Amino acid sequence: MPSPIPVTRLLPKDFYPFLDLETCSSPLSRNPGSTLQVPVQRLHGKVASRLWSTVIHWKELRSVQPAGSGGFGSVYKADYFGETVALKKVKKCTKNKLASRQSFWAELNAAHLRHENVVRVIAATTCMPADFGDDSSIGAVLMEFVGDRNLQQIIYGGCDPLEDRCLRYATDIARGLRFLHSHSVLHLDIKPANVLVSGEDVCKIVDFGSSLKLDHRCEVSCLSPHLSHVGGTYTHRAPELLKGEGLSPKADIFSFGITLWQLITREQPYTGDRQHVLYAVVAHNLRPSVQEHPVFQSEQGRQCRTLLGLLLERGRSLQTDCSGAGASAGADQLPDMRLFNAQVH
């Protein structure tokens, strides 16, 4: 399927596809012994660090193995020019084709960005060969392969204590969000399942299918029909999203607070019927318990409780100053994670 968006709109003006590239225009770095042919030495540093490709060289994908699946589609692990990568096939929604297209292009909102706590996009395309594509897929995104674990599996899938890792994980997520907000990108689906953990125990934010790129006004005044892809997981969605109100970095801050609560307690934030939970969050300011839970009763726990209170009440108690700096003002609302030190030492 041809792209509904011109390439010149997807890429910054410096990166129009007339650069004299060699075999692959992927931004993968060359490792010792790697056969990856990327003309990094011939490109300006800014281009080499930010360039991503609108072409996937399908013949170079080898050892393709299923790695996971979900409502978004399927993920595969593969070798690409000698590097281990993840290939995400985005599922087409037959009931809402517009939302499917928007969700696919939303995956690329952070494609031009590079940060150690954000999963790097290598290439993306809607043109898929017959042996890779099918009628149920709208396109594919090629990303760096981080590992086989996400934060949800670590929180709920084992008995290993997390006390020594809580601060590091929380700091990684906060840094990733600060970076995204400073570039006017809202993730809008922060949750443990969307945080991958590498073999080096570094957290990286992934899955931008619900994300949004803010314009100079910084805040989207309402959820219009043109933003039908904006979704997120109901247990982590900020009240303003549930009510269809304005979008701002505060929505990610709220979701980060829920994720941090899960990281500390290793419990589910809400129980009960979905509709009842949604109503209670919106109408009665329901939040995960930070008062009665045993982990918050010690002196250290009370300090952590204060931090969580700030995160979960951001939407009602603080206003985002959007003058001039776009969404970077929202990044300033993220807390200094040193306040969390007392809980883990």
C-alpha atoms as a PDB file:
ATOM      1  CA  MET A   1       0.000   0.000   0.000  1.00  0.00           C
ATOM      2  CA  PRO A   2       1.497   3.377  -0.934  1.00  0.00           C
ATOM      3  CA  SER A   3       2.170   5.823   1.852  1.00  0.00           C
ATOM      4  CA  PRO A   4      -0.639   8.347   2.485  1.00  0.00           C
ATOM      5  CA  ILE A   5       2.015  10.817   3.625  1.00  0.00           C
ATOM      6  CA  PRO A   6       4.730  12.187   1.296  1.00  0.00           C
ATOM      7  CA  VAL A   7       8.268  11.190   2.233  1.00  0.00           C
ATOM      8  CA  THR A   8       9.198  14.865   2.367  1.00  0.00           C
ATOM      9  CA  ARG A   9       6.705  15.313   5.186  1.00  0.00           C
ATOM     10  CA  LEU A  10       8.067  12.383   7.160  1.00  0.00           C
ATOM     11  CA  LEU A  11      11.716  13.421   7.012  1.00  0.00           C
ATOM     12  CA  PRO A  12      13.331  16.714   8.030  1.00  0.00           C
ATOM     13  CA  LYS A  13      14.363  18.833   5.053  1.00  0.00           C
ATOM     14  CA  ASP A  14      18.032  17.926   5.474  1.00  0.00           C
ATOM     15  CA  PHE A  15      17.176  14.251   5.094  1.00  0.00           C
ATOM     16  CA  TYR A  16      15.358  14.097   1.735  1.00  0.00           C
ATOM     17  CA  PRO A  17      16.054  10.718   0.067  1.00  0.00           C
ATOM     18  CA  PHE A  18      18.554  11.977  -2.499  1.00  0.00           C
ATOM     19  CA  LEU A  19      21.576  11.397  -0.258  1.00  0.00           C
ATOM     20  CA  ASP A  20      24.237   9.309  -1.961  1.00  0.00           C
ATOM     21  CA  LEU A  21      23.977   6.222   0.200  1.00  0.00           C
ATOM     22  CA  GLU A  22      25.520   2.843  -0.377  1.00  0.00           C
ATOM     23  CA  THR A  23      23.938  -0.569   0.174  1.00  0.00           C
ATOM     24  CA  CYS A  24      21.797   0.332   3.173  1.00  0.00           C
ATOM     25  CA  SER A  25      20.507   3.646   4.460  1.00  0.00           C
ATOM     26  CA  SER A  26      19.897   2.195   7.908  1.00  0.00           C
ATOM     27  CA  PRO A  27      21.417   4.139  10.827  1.00  0.00           C
ATOM     28  CA  LEU A  28      22.757   0.988  12.469  1.00  0.00           C
ATOM     29  CA  SER A  29      26.295   1.519  13.689  1.00  0.00           C
ATOM     30  CA  ARG A  30      29.091  -0.625  12.365  1.00  0.00           C
ATOM     31  CA  ASN A  31      30.317  -3.189  14.883  1.00  0.00           C
ATOM     32  CA  PRO A  32      33.715  -4.882  14.598  1.00  0.00           C
ATOM     33  CA  GLY A  33      33.373  -7.639  12.031  1.00  0.00           C
ATOM     34  CA  SER A  34      29.926  -6.474  10.907  1.00  0.00           C
ATOM     35  CA  THR A  35      29.078  -6.523   7.201  1.00  0.00           C
ATOM     36  CA  LEU A  36      26.654  -3.631   7.552  1.00  0.00           C
ATOM     37  CA  GLN A  37      27.426  -1.087   4.823  1.00  0.00           C
ATOM     38  CA  VAL A  38      26.484   2.307   6.174  1.00  0.00           C
ATOM     39  CA  PRO A  39      28.369   5.361   4.878  1.00  0.00           C
ATOM     40  CA  VAL A  40      28.683   6.922   8.330  1.00  0.00           C
ATOM     41  CA  GLN A  41      32.131   8.280   7.547  1.00  0.00           C
ATOM     42  CA  ARG A  42      30.745  10.155   4.522  1.00  0.00           C
ATOM     43  CA  LEU A  43      27.827  11.797   6.307  1.00  0.00           C
ATOM     44  CA  HIS A  44      27.684  14.822   8.521  1.00  0.00           C
ATOM     45  CA  GLY A  45      27.525  13.832  12.194  1.00  0.00           C
ATOM     46  CA  LYS A  46      23.991  15.201  12.601  1.00  0.00           C
ATOM     47  CA  VAL A  47      22.728  13.138   9.663  1.00  0.00           C
ATOM     48  CA  ALA A  48      24.562   9.985  10.701  1.00  0.00           C
ATOM     49  CA  SER A  49      23.079  10.101  14.188  1.00  0.00           C
ATOM     50  CA  ARG A  50      19.506  10.918  13.160  1.00  0.00           C
ATOM     51  CA  LEU A  51      18.959   9.282   9.804  1.00  0.00           C
ATOM     52  CA  TRP A  52      16.432   6.475   9.530  1.00  0.00           C
ATOM     53  CA  SER A  53      15.336   4.757   6.384  1.00  0.00           C
ATOM     54  CA  THR A  54      11.984   4.557   4.594  1.00  0.00           C
ATOM     55  CA  VAL A  55      13.179   1.347   2.936  1.00  0.00           C
ATOM     56  CA  ILE A  56      13.617  -2.098   4.471  1.00  0.00           C
ATOM     57  CA  HIS A  57      15.991  -4.328   2.508  1.00  0.00           C
ATOM     58  CA  TRP A  58      13.927  -7.476   2.901  1.00  0.00           C
ATOM     59  CA  LYS A  59      16.515  -9.778   1.320  1.00  0.00           C
ATOM     60  CA  GLU A  60      18.923  -8.860   4.104  1.00  0.00           C
ATOM     61  CA  LEU A  61      16.527 -10.071   6.820  1.00  0.00           C
ATOM     62  CA  ARG A  62      17.722 -13.487   7.958  1.00  0.00           C
ATOM     63  CA  SER A  63      16.964 -15.945  10.755  1.00  0.00           C
ATOM     64  CA  VAL A  64      13.503 -14.440  11.262  1.00  0.00           C
ATOM     65  CA  GLN A  65      11.872 -15.893  14.386  1.00  0.00           C
ATOM     66  CA  PRO A  66       8.582 -14.995  16.143  1.00  0.00           C
ATOM     67  CA  ALA A  67       9.231 -12.985  19.309  1.00  0.00           C
ATOM     68  CA  GLY A  68       5.733 -11.970  20.417  1.00  0.00           C
ATOM     69  CA  SER A  69       2.303 -10.777  19.381  1.00  0.00           C
ATOM     70  CA  GLY A  70      -0.583  -8.679  20.638  1.00  0.00           C
ATOM     71  CA  GLY A  71      -3.374  -6.377  19.598  1.00  0.00           C
ATOM     72  CA  PHE A  72      -0.871  -4.233  17.664  1.00  0.00           C
ATOM     73  CA  GLY A  73       0.350  -7.117  15.492  1.00  0.00           C
ATOM     74  CA  SER A  74       3.416  -9.357  15.625  1.00  0.00           C
ATOM     75  CA  VAL A  75       7.094  -8.917  16.496  1.00  0.00           C
ATOM     76  CA  TYR A  76       9.950 -10.957  15.043  1.00  0.00           C
ATOM     77  CA  LYS A  77      13.613 -11.249  15.923  1.00  0.00           C
ATOM     78  CA  ALA A  78      15.958 -11.262  12.936  1.00  0.00           C
ATOM     79  CA  ASP A  79      19.439 -10.526  11.608  1.00  0.00           C
ATOM     80  CA  TYR A  80      19.747  -7.441   9.396  1.00  0.00           C
ATOM     81  CA  PHE A  81      23.115  -6.728   7.774  1.00  0.00           C
ATOM     82  CA  GLY A  82      24.715  -8.745  10.561  1.00  0.00           C
ATOM     83  CA  GLU A  83      22.911  -6.926  13.383  1.00  0.00           C
ATOM     84  CA  THR A  84      20.155  -8.331  15.619  1.00  0.00           C
ATOM     85  CA  VAL A  85      16.930  -6.370  15.103  1.00  0.00           C
ATOM     86  CA  ALA A  86      13.227  -6.515  15.918  1.00  0.00           C
ATOM     87  CA  LEU A  87      10.664  -6.419  13.102  1.00  0.00           C
ATOM     88  CA  LYS A  88       7.192  -5.221  14.069  1.00  0.00           C
ATOM     89  CA  LYS A  89       4.331  -5.954  11.671  1.00  0.00           C
ATOM     90  CA  VAL A  90       1.490  -3.553  12.462  1.00  0.00           C
ATOM     91  CA  LYS A  91      -1.955  -5.100  12.227  1.00  0.00           C
ATOM     92  CA  LYS A  92      -4.645  -3.507  10.092  1.00  0.00           C
ATOM     93  CA  CYS A  93      -7.931  -2.815  11.874  1.00  0.00           C
ATOM     94  CA  THR A  94     -10.748  -3.650   9.470  1.00  0.00           C
ATOM     95  CA  LYS A  95     -13.313  -1.749  11.561  1.00  0.00           C
ATOM     96  CA  ASN A  96     -11.329   1.496  11.671  1.00  0.00           C
ATOM     97  CA  LYS A  97      -8.869   1.839   8.803  1.00  0.00           C
ATOM     98  CA  LEU A  98      -8.128   5.484   9.625  1.00  0.00           C
ATOM     99  CA  ALA A  99      -7.099   4.564  13.168  1.00  0.00           C
ATOM    100  CA  SER A 100      -4.841   1.823  11.775  1.00  0.00           C
ATOM    101  CA  ARG A 101      -3.042   4.248   9.485  1.00  0.00           C
ATOM    102  CA  GLN A 102      -2.717   6.849  12.224  1.00  0.00           C
ATOM    103  CA  SER A 103      -1.359   4.267  14.649  1.00  0.00           C
ATOM    104  CA  PHE A 104       1.243   3.111  12.126  1.00  0.00           C
ATOM    105  CA  TRP A 105       2.485   6.623  11.396  1.00  0.00           C
ATOM    106  CA  ALA A 106       2.416   7.430  15.113  1.00  0.00           C
ATOM    107  CA  GLU A 107       5.029   4.681  15.536  1.00  0.00           C
ATOM    108  CA  LEU A 108       7.394   7.020  13.681  1.00  0.00           C
ATOM    109  CA  ASN A 109       6.898  10.114  15.848  1.00  0.00           C
ATOM    110  CA  ALA A 110      10.171   9.387  17.610  1.00  0.00           C
ATOM    111  CA  ALA A 111      11.959   7.741  14.672  1.00  0.00           C
ATOM    112  CA  HIS A 112      14.301  10.703  14.159  1.00  0.00           C
ATOM    113  CA  LEU A 113      15.271  10.811  17.847  1.00  0.00           C
ATOM    114  CA  ARG A 114      18.143   9.004  19.552  1.00  0.00           C
ATOM    115  CA  HIS A 115      18.302   8.360  23.292  1.00  0.00           C
ATOM    116  CA  GLU A 116      19.606   5.488  25.394  1.00  0.00           C
ATOM    117  CA  ASN A 117      16.196   5.074  27.076  1.00  0.00           C
ATOM    118  CA  VAL A 118      14.092   5.093  23.890  1.00  0.00           C
ATOM    119  CA  VAL A 119      14.016   2.148  21.471  1.00  0.00           C
ATOM    120  CA  ARG A 120      15.651   3.212  18.205  1.00  0.00           C
ATOM    121  CA  VAL A 121      13.773   2.960  14.899  1.00  0.00           C
ATOM    122  CA  ILE A 122      15.938   1.760  12.013  1.00  0.00           C
ATOM    123  CA  ALA A 123      13.471   1.734   9.132  1.00  0.00           C
ATOM    124  CA  ALA A 124       9.749   1.645   8.364  1.00  0.00           C
ATOM    125  CA  THR A 125       7.661   0.975   5.288  1.00  0.00           C
ATOM    126  CA  THR A 126       4.187   0.099   4.058  1.00  0.00           C
ATOM    127  CA  CYS A 127       5.650  -1.876   1.137  1.00  0.00           C
ATOM    128  CA  MET A 128       6.022  -5.512   2.133  1.00  0.00           C
ATOM    129  CA  PRO A 129       6.888  -8.530  -0.043  1.00  0.00           C
ATOM    130  CA  ALA A 130       4.406 -11.373  -0.304  1.00  0.00           C
ATOM    131  CA  ASP A 131       6.397 -13.702   1.944  1.00  0.00           C
ATOM    132  CA  PHE A 132       6.453 -11.111   4.755  1.00  0.00           C
ATOM    133  CA  GLY A 133       3.223  -9.189   4.301  1.00  0.00           C
ATOM    134  CA  ASP A 134      -0.422 -10.186   4.237  1.00  0.00           C
ATOM    135  CA  ASP A 135      -3.806  -8.530   4.074  1.00  0.00           C
ATOM    136  CA  SER A 136      -3.888  -8.135   7.852  1.00  0.00           C
ATOM    137  CA  SER A 137      -0.751  -5.936   8.013  1.00  0.00           C
ATOM    138  CA  ILE A 138      -0.607  -2.231   7.232  1.00  0.00           C
ATOM    139  CA  GLY A 139       3.168  -1.899   7.417  1.00  0.00           C
ATOM    140  CA  ALA A 140       6.360  -2.842   9.218  1.00  0.00           C
ATOM    141  CA  VAL A 141       8.771  -1.078  11.558  1.00  0.00           C
ATOM    142  CA  LEU A 142      12.358  -2.242  11.987  1.00  0.00           C
ATOM    143  CA  MET A 143      13.857  -1.433  15.403  1.00  0.00           C
ATOM    144  CA  GLU A 144      16.870  -2.188  17.507  1.00  0.00           C
ATOM    145  CA  PHE A 145      16.546  -5.474  19.385  1.00  0.00           C
ATOM    146  CA  VAL A 146      16.633  -4.710  23.103  1.00  0.00           C
ATOM    147  CA  GLY A 147      15.947  -8.135  24.582  1.00  0.00           C
ATOM    148  CA  ASP A 148      13.234 -10.612  25.459  1.00  0.00           C
ATOM    149  CA  ARG A 149      12.084  -8.977  28.708  1.00  0.00           C
ATOM    150  CA  ASN A 150       9.762  -6.119  29.486  1.00  0.00           C
ATOM    151  CA  LEU A 151       9.169  -4.443  32.828  1.00  0.00           C
ATOM    152  CA  GLN A 152       5.817  -6.150  33.335  1.00  0.00           C
ATOM    153  CA  GLN A 153       7.434  -9.577  33.127  1.00  0.00           C
ATOM    154  CA  ILE A 154      10.077  -8.518  35.634  1.00  0.00           C
ATOM    155  CA  ILE A 155       7.533  -7.060  38.086  1.00  0.00           C
ATOM    156  CA  TYR A 156       5.048  -9.924  38.044  1.00  0.00           C
ATOM    157  CA  GLY A 157       6.953 -12.858  36.612  1.00  0.00           C
ATOM    158  CA  GLY A 158       9.467 -13.711  39.306  1.00  0.00           C
ATOM    159  CA  CYS A 159      10.485 -13.583  42.921  1.00  0.00           C
ATOM    160  CA  ASP A 160      13.740 -11.669  42.487  1.00  0.00           C
ATOM    161  CA  PRO A 161      13.766  -8.612  44.773  1.00  0.00           C
ATOM    162  CA  LEU A 162      13.495  -5.288  42.933  1.00  0.00           C
ATOM    163  CA  GLU A 163      14.634  -2.964  45.713  1.00  0.00           C
ATOM    164  CA  ASP A 164      18.127  -2.561  44.268  1.00  0.00           C
ATOM    165  CA  ARG A 165      16.751  -1.871  40.795  1.00  0.00           C
ATOM    166  CA  CYS A 166      13.724   0.342  41.494  1.00  0.00           C
ATOM    167  CA  LEU A 167      15.642   3.612  41.387  1.00  0.00           C
ATOM    168  CA  ARG A 168      17.575   2.672  38.272  1.00  0.00           C
ATOM    169  CA  TYR A 169      14.479   1.553  36.373  1.00  0.00           C
ATOM    170  CA  ALA A 170      12.448   4.580  37.447  1.00  0.00           C
ATOM    171  CA  THR A 171      15.286   6.921  36.498  1.00  0.00           C
ATOM    172  CA  ASP A 172      15.620   5.315  33.063  1.00  0.00           C
ATOM    173  CA  ILE A 173      11.912   5.794  32.333  1.00  0.00           C
ATOM    174  CA  ALA A 174      11.931   9.372  33.635  1.00  0.00           C
ATOM    175  CA  ARG A 175      14.952  10.227  31.475  1.00  0.00           C
ATOM    176  CA  GLY A 176      13.311   8.752  28.402  1.00  0.00           C
ATOM    177  CA  LEU A 177      10.128  10.738  29.022  1.00  0.00           C
ATOM    178  CA  ARG A 178      12.054  13.957  29.653  1.00  0.00           C
ATOM    179  CA  PHE A 179      13.801  13.498  26.328  1.00  0.00           C
ATOM    180  CA  LEU A 180      10.581  12.779  24.415  1.00  0.00           C
ATOM    181  CA  HIS A 181       8.773  15.736  25.974  1.00  0.00           C
ATOM    182  CA  SER A 182      11.699  18.032  25.202  1.00  0.00           C
ATOM    183  CA  HIS A 183      11.139  17.107  21.541  1.00  0.00           C
ATOM    184  CA  SER A 184       7.356  17.644  21.765  1.00  0.00           C
ATOM    185  CA  VAL A 185       6.487  13.931  21.621  1.00  0.00           C
ATOM    186  CA  LEU A 186       3.837  12.461  23.937  1.00  0.00           C
ATOM    187  CA  HIS A 187       3.921   8.684  24.337  1.00  0.00           C
ATOM    188  CA  LEU A 188       0.382   8.330  25.797  1.00  0.00           C
ATOM    189  CA  ASP A 189       0.709   4.628  26.654  1.00  0.00           C
ATOM    190  CA  ILE A 190       3.391   4.405  29.326  1.00  0.00           C
ATOM    191  CA  LYS A 191       3.028   1.129  31.243  1.00  0.00           C
ATOM    192  CA  PRO A 192       5.356  -1.714  32.312  1.00  0.00           C
ATOM    193  CA  ALA A 193       4.606  -3.754  29.168  1.00  0.00           C
ATOM    194  CA  ASN A 194       5.857  -0.855  27.007  1.00  0.00           C
ATOM    195  CA  VAL A 195       9.204  -0.617  28.777  1.00  0.00           C
ATOM    196  CA  LEU A 196      11.791  -3.095  27.507  1.00  0.00           C
ATOM    197  CA  VAL A 197      14.729  -4.099  29.704  1.00  0.00           C
ATOM    198  CA  SER A 198      18.019  -4.851  27.975  1.00  0.00           C
ATOM    199  CA  GLY A 199      20.604  -7.439  28.891  1.00  0.00           C
ATOM    200  CA  GLU A 200      22.541  -4.602  30.548  1.00  0.00           C
ATOM    201  CA  ASP A 201      19.454  -3.898  32.721  1.00  0.00           C
ATOM    202  CA  VAL A 202      18.665  -0.612  30.967  1.00  0.00           C
ATOM    203  CA  CYS A 203      15.020   0.386  30.458  1.00  0.00           C
ATOM    204  CA  LYS A 204      13.930   1.612  27.017  1.00  0.00           C
ATOM    205  CA  ILE A 205      10.517   3.035  26.105  1.00  0.00           C
ATOM    206  CA  VAL A 206       8.855   1.297  23.153  1.00  0.00           C
ATOM    207  CA  ASP A 207       5.531   1.154  21.252  1.00  0.00           C
ATOM    208  CA  PHE A 208       4.619   4.622  19.988  1.00  0.00           C
ATOM    209  CA  GLY A 209       1.365   3.579  18.322  1.00  0.00           C
ATOM    210  CA  SER A 210      -0.651   5.891  20.589  1.00  0.00           C
ATOM    211  CA  SER A 211       1.875   8.736  20.541  1.00  0.00           C
ATOM    212  CA  LEU A 212       1.340  12.305  19.423  1.00  0.00           C
ATOM    213  CA  LYS A 213       3.657  15.021  18.130  1.00  0.00           C
ATOM    214  CA  LEU A 214       2.656  18.370  19.607  1.00  0.00           C
ATOM    215  CA  ASP A 215       2.731  21.559  17.598  1.00  0.00           C
ATOM    216  CA  HIS A 216       3.874  24.962  18.851  1.00  0.00           C
ATOM    217  CA  ARG A 217       0.697  25.352  20.902  1.00  0.00           C
ATOM    218  CA  CYS A 218       1.957  22.494  23.101  1.00  0.00           C
ATOM    219  CA  GLU A 219      -1.457  21.233  24.157  1.00  0.00           C
ATOM    220  CA  VAL A 220      -4.125  19.638  21.987  1.00  0.00           C
ATOM    221  CA  SER A 221      -7.357  21.212  23.130  1.00  0.00           C
ATOM    222  CA  CYS A 222      -9.500  18.124  22.651  1.00  0.00           C
ATOM    223  CA  LEU A 223      -9.551  14.630  21.227  1.00  0.00           C
ATOM    224  CA  SER A 224     -10.844  15.239  17.714  1.00  0.00           C
ATOM    225  CA  PRO A 225     -11.970  12.472  15.342  1.00  0.00           C
ATOM    226  CA  HIS A 226      -8.678  12.983  13.505  1.00  0.00           C
ATOM    227  CA  LEU A 227      -6.875  11.641  16.582  1.00  0.00           C
ATOM    228  CA  SER A 228      -8.805   8.384  16.707  1.00  0.00           C
ATOM    229  CA  HIS A 229      -5.605   6.370  17.216  1.00  0.00           C
ATOM    230  CA  VAL A 230      -4.961   7.986  20.611  1.00  0.00           C
ATOM    231  CA  GLY A 231      -5.723   5.211  23.029  1.00  0.00           C
ATOM    232  CA  GLY A 232      -3.610   3.768  25.781  1.00  0.00           C
ATOM    233  CA  THR A 233      -4.345   1.240  28.503  1.00  0.00           C
ATOM    234  CA  TYR A 234      -7.280   2.267  30.660  1.00  0.00           C
ATOM    235  CA  THR A 235      -5.554   1.468  33.980  1.00  0.00           C
ATOM    236  CA  HIS A 236      -2.755   3.902  33.112  1.00  0.00           C
ATOM    237  CA  ARG A 237      -4.639   6.604  31.224  1.00  0.00           C
ATOM    238  CA  ALA A 238      -4.762  10.048  32.766  1.00  0.00           C
ATOM    239  CA  PRO A 239      -8.245  11.286  33.759  1.00  0.00           C
ATOM    240  CA  GLU A 240      -8.156  14.003  31.090  1.00  0.00           C
ATOM    241  CA  LEU A 241      -7.702  11.342  28.393  1.00  0.00           C
ATOM    242  CA  LEU A 242     -10.595   9.321  29.773  1.00  0.00           C
ATOM    243  CA  LYS A 243     -12.752  12.453  29.635  1.00  0.00           C
ATOM    244  CA  GLY A 244     -11.620  13.368  26.115  1.00  0.00           C
ATOM    245  CA  GLU A 245     -10.059  16.627  27.256  1.00  0.00           C
ATOM    246  CA  GLY A 246      -6.788  18.317  26.317  1.00  0.00           C
ATOM    247  CA  LEU A 247      -3.606  16.370  25.762  1.00  0.00           C
ATOM    248  CA  SER A 248      -0.342  17.515  27.300  1.00  0.00           C
ATOM    249  CA  PRO A 249       2.813  15.979  28.827  1.00  0.00           C
ATOM    250  CA  LYS A 250       0.868  15.674  32.094  1.00  0.00           C
ATOM    251  CA  ALA A 251      -0.815  12.561  30.679  1.00  0.00           C
ATOM    252  CA  ASP A 252       2.543  10.744  30.470  1.00  0.00           C
ATOM    253  CA  ILE A 253       3.483  11.915  33.953  1.00  0.00           C
ATOM    254  CA  PHE A 254       0.323  10.341  35.370  1.00  0.00           C
ATOM    255  CA  SER A 255       1.006   7.046  33.554  1.00  0.00           C
ATOM    256  CA  PHE A 256       4.569   7.091  34.848  1.00  0.00           C
ATOM    257  CA  GLY A 257       3.187   7.426  38.378  1.00  0.00           C
ATOM    258  CA  ILE A 258       1.010   4.326  37.945  1.00  0.00           C
ATOM    259  CA  THR A 259       3.995   2.429  36.530  1.00  0.00           C
ATOM    260  CA  LEU A 260       6.195   3.491  39.436  1.00  0.00           C
ATOM    261  CA  TRP A 261       3.503   2.360  41.901  1.00  0.00           C
ATOM    262  CA  GLN A 262       3.528  -1.084  40.255  1.00  0.00           C
ATOM    263  CA  LEU A 263       7.310  -1.208  40.379  1.00  0.00           C
ATOM    264  CA  ILE A 264       7.269  -0.576  44.132  1.00  0.00           C
ATOM    265  CA  THR A 265       4.298  -2.706  45.191  1.00  0.00           C
ATOM    266  CA  ARG A 266       4.381  -5.440  42.495  1.00  0.00           C
ATOM    267  CA  GLU A 267       0.585  -5.365  42.481  1.00  0.00           C
ATOM    268  CA  GLN A 268      -2.107  -4.402  39.968  1.00  0.00           C
ATOM    269  CA  PRO A 269      -3.217  -0.756  40.333  1.00  0.00           C
ATOM    270  CA  TYR A 270      -6.968  -1.468  40.229  1.00  0.00           C
ATOM    271  CA  THR A 271      -9.319  -4.397  40.671  1.00  0.00           C
ATOM    272  CA  GLY A 272     -12.915  -4.780  39.611  1.00  0.00           C
ATOM    273  CA  ASP A 273     -14.994  -4.200  36.522  1.00  0.00           C
ATOM    274  CA  ARG A 274     -13.395  -2.022  33.850  1.00  0.00           C
ATOM    275  CA  GLN A 275     -16.329   0.375  33.546  1.00  0.00           C
ATOM    276  CA  HIS A 276     -16.537   0.819  37.316  1.00  0.00           C
ATOM    277  CA  VAL A 277     -12.818   1.628  37.473  1.00  0.00           C
ATOM    278  CA  LEU A 278     -13.085   4.159  34.645  1.00  0.00           C
ATOM    279  CA  TYR A 279     -16.015   5.887  36.313  1.00  0.00           C
ATOM    280  CA  ALA A 280     -14.278   5.996  39.702  1.00  0.00           C
ATOM    281  CA  VAL A 281     -11.060   7.445  38.229  1.00  0.00           C
ATOM    282  CA  VAL A 282     -12.933  10.219  36.431  1.00  0.00           C
ATOM    283  CA  ALA A 283     -15.761  10.989  38.851  1.00  0.00           C
ATOM    284  CA  HIS A 284     -14.230  10.198  42.242  1.00  0.00           C
ATOM    285  CA  ASN A 285     -10.475  10.650  41.635  1.00  0.00           C
ATOM    286  CA  LEU A 286      -9.732   6.988  42.290  1.00  0.00           C
ATOM    287  CA  ARG A 287      -5.986   6.299  42.473  1.00  0.00           C
ATOM    288  CA  PRO A 288      -3.888   3.274  43.507  1.00  0.00           C
ATOM    289  CA  SER A 289      -3.587   3.192  47.281  1.00  0.00           C
ATOM    290  CA  VAL A 290      -0.550   4.976  48.724  1.00  0.00           C
ATOM    291  CA  GLN A 291      -2.022   5.334  52.208  1.00  0.00           C
ATOM    292  CA  GLU A 292      -2.919   1.839  53.393  1.00  0.00           C
ATOM    293  CA  HIS A 293      -0.368  -0.252  51.533  1.00  0.00           C
ATOM    294  CA  PRO A 294       2.269  -1.658  53.966  1.00  0.00           C
ATOM    295  CA  VAL A 295       5.220  -0.623  51.804  1.00  0.00           C
ATOM    296  CA  PHE A 296       4.351   3.058  52.336  1.00  0.00           C
ATOM    297  CA  GLN A 297       4.092   2.984  56.134  1.00  0.00           C
ATOM    298  CA  SER A 298       7.789   3.366  57.014  1.00  0.00           C
ATOM    299  CA  GLU A 299       9.600   6.698  57.059  1.00  0.00           C
ATOM    300  CA  GLN A 300      11.196   5.864  53.722  1.00  0.00           C
ATOM    301  CA  GLY A 301       7.838   4.729  52.397  1.00  0.00           C
ATOM    302  CA  ARG A 302       6.237   8.044  53.319  1.00  0.00           C
ATOM    303  CA  GLN A 303       8.834   9.914  51.275  1.00  0.00           C
ATOM    304  CA  CYS A 304       8.070   7.650  48.342  1.00  0.00           C
ATOM    305  CA  ARG A 305       4.351   8.208  48.932  1.00  0.00           C
ATOM    306  CA  THR A 306       4.890  11.954  48.581  1.00  0.00           C
ATOM    307  CA  LEU A 307       6.593  11.448  45.227  1.00  0.00           C
ATOM    308  CA  LEU A 308       3.778   9.242  43.944  1.00  0.00           C
ATOM    309  CA  GLY A 309       1.222  11.772  45.123  1.00  0.00           C
ATOM    310  CA  LEU A 310       2.938  14.447  43.031  1.00  0.00           C
ATOM    311  CA  LEU A 311       2.941  12.239  39.949  1.00  0.00           C
ATOM    312  CA  LEU A 312      -0.667  11.070  40.226  1.00  0.00           C
ATOM    313  CA  GLU A 313      -2.075  14.517  40.974  1.00  0.00           C
ATOM    314  CA  ARG A 314      -0.119  16.420  38.322  1.00  0.00           C
ATOM    315  CA  GLY A 315      -3.094  16.684  36.021  1.00  0.00           C
ATOM    316  CA  ARG A 316      -5.256  18.526  38.547  1.00  0.00           C
ATOM    317  CA  SER A 317      -2.757  20.559  40.538  1.00  0.00           C
ATOM    318  CA  LEU A 318      -0.258  21.865  37.978  1.00  0.00           C
ATOM    319  CA  GLN A 319      -0.524  23.796  34.757  1.00  0.00           C
ATOM    320  CA  THR A 320       1.935  23.348  31.904  1.00  0.00           C
ATOM    321  CA  ASP A 321       3.655  26.531  30.820  1.00  0.00           C
ATOM    322  CA  CYS A 322       3.943  26.139  27.059  1.00  0.00           C
ATOM    323  CA  SER A 323       5.371  29.538  26.232  1.00  0.00           C
ATOM    324  CA  GLY A 324       8.050  29.212  23.606  1.00  0.00           C
ATOM    325  CA  ALA A 325       9.479  25.890  24.675  1.00  0.00           C
ATOM    326  CA  GLY A 326       6.727  23.579  23.441  1.00  0.00           C
ATOM    327  CA  ALA A 327       6.425  20.358  25.381  1.00  0.00           C
ATOM    328  CA  SER A 328       9.779  20.863  27.099  1.00  0.00           C
ATOM    329  CA  ALA A 329       7.829  22.549  29.884  1.00  0.00           C
ATOM    330  CA  GLY A 330       6.139  19.231  30.527  1.00  0.00           C
ATOM    331  CA  ALA A 331       9.513  17.536  30.907  1.00  0.00           C
ATOM    332  CA  ASP A 332      10.320  19.925  33.737  1.00  0.00           C
ATOM    333  CA  GLN A 333       7.372  18.531  35.689  1.00  0.00           C
ATOM    334  CA  LEU A 334       8.975  15.110  35.965  1.00  0.00           C
ATOM    335  CA  PRO A 335      10.456  14.700  39.437  1.00  0.00           C
ATOM    336  CA  ASP A 336      14.070  14.475  40.432  1.00  0.00           C
ATOM    337  CA  MET A 337      14.405  10.736  41.016  1.00  0.00           C
ATOM    338  CA  ARG A 338      16.895  11.341  43.819  1.00  0.00           C
ATOM    339  CA  LEU A 339      13.801  11.790  45.988  1.00  0.00           C
ATOM    340  CA  PHE A 340      13.318   8.072  45.504  1.00  0.00           C
ATOM    341  CA  ASN A 341      16.710   7.154  46.979  1.00  0.00           C
ATOM    342  CA  ALA A 342      15.443   6.603  50.500  1.00  0.00           C
ATOM    343  CA  GLN A 343      13.133   3.840  49.346  1.00  0.00           C
ATOM    344  CA  VAL A 344      15.834   1.671  47.808  1.00  0.00           C
ATOM    345  CA  HIS A 345      18.830   2.095  50.141  1.00  0.00           C
END
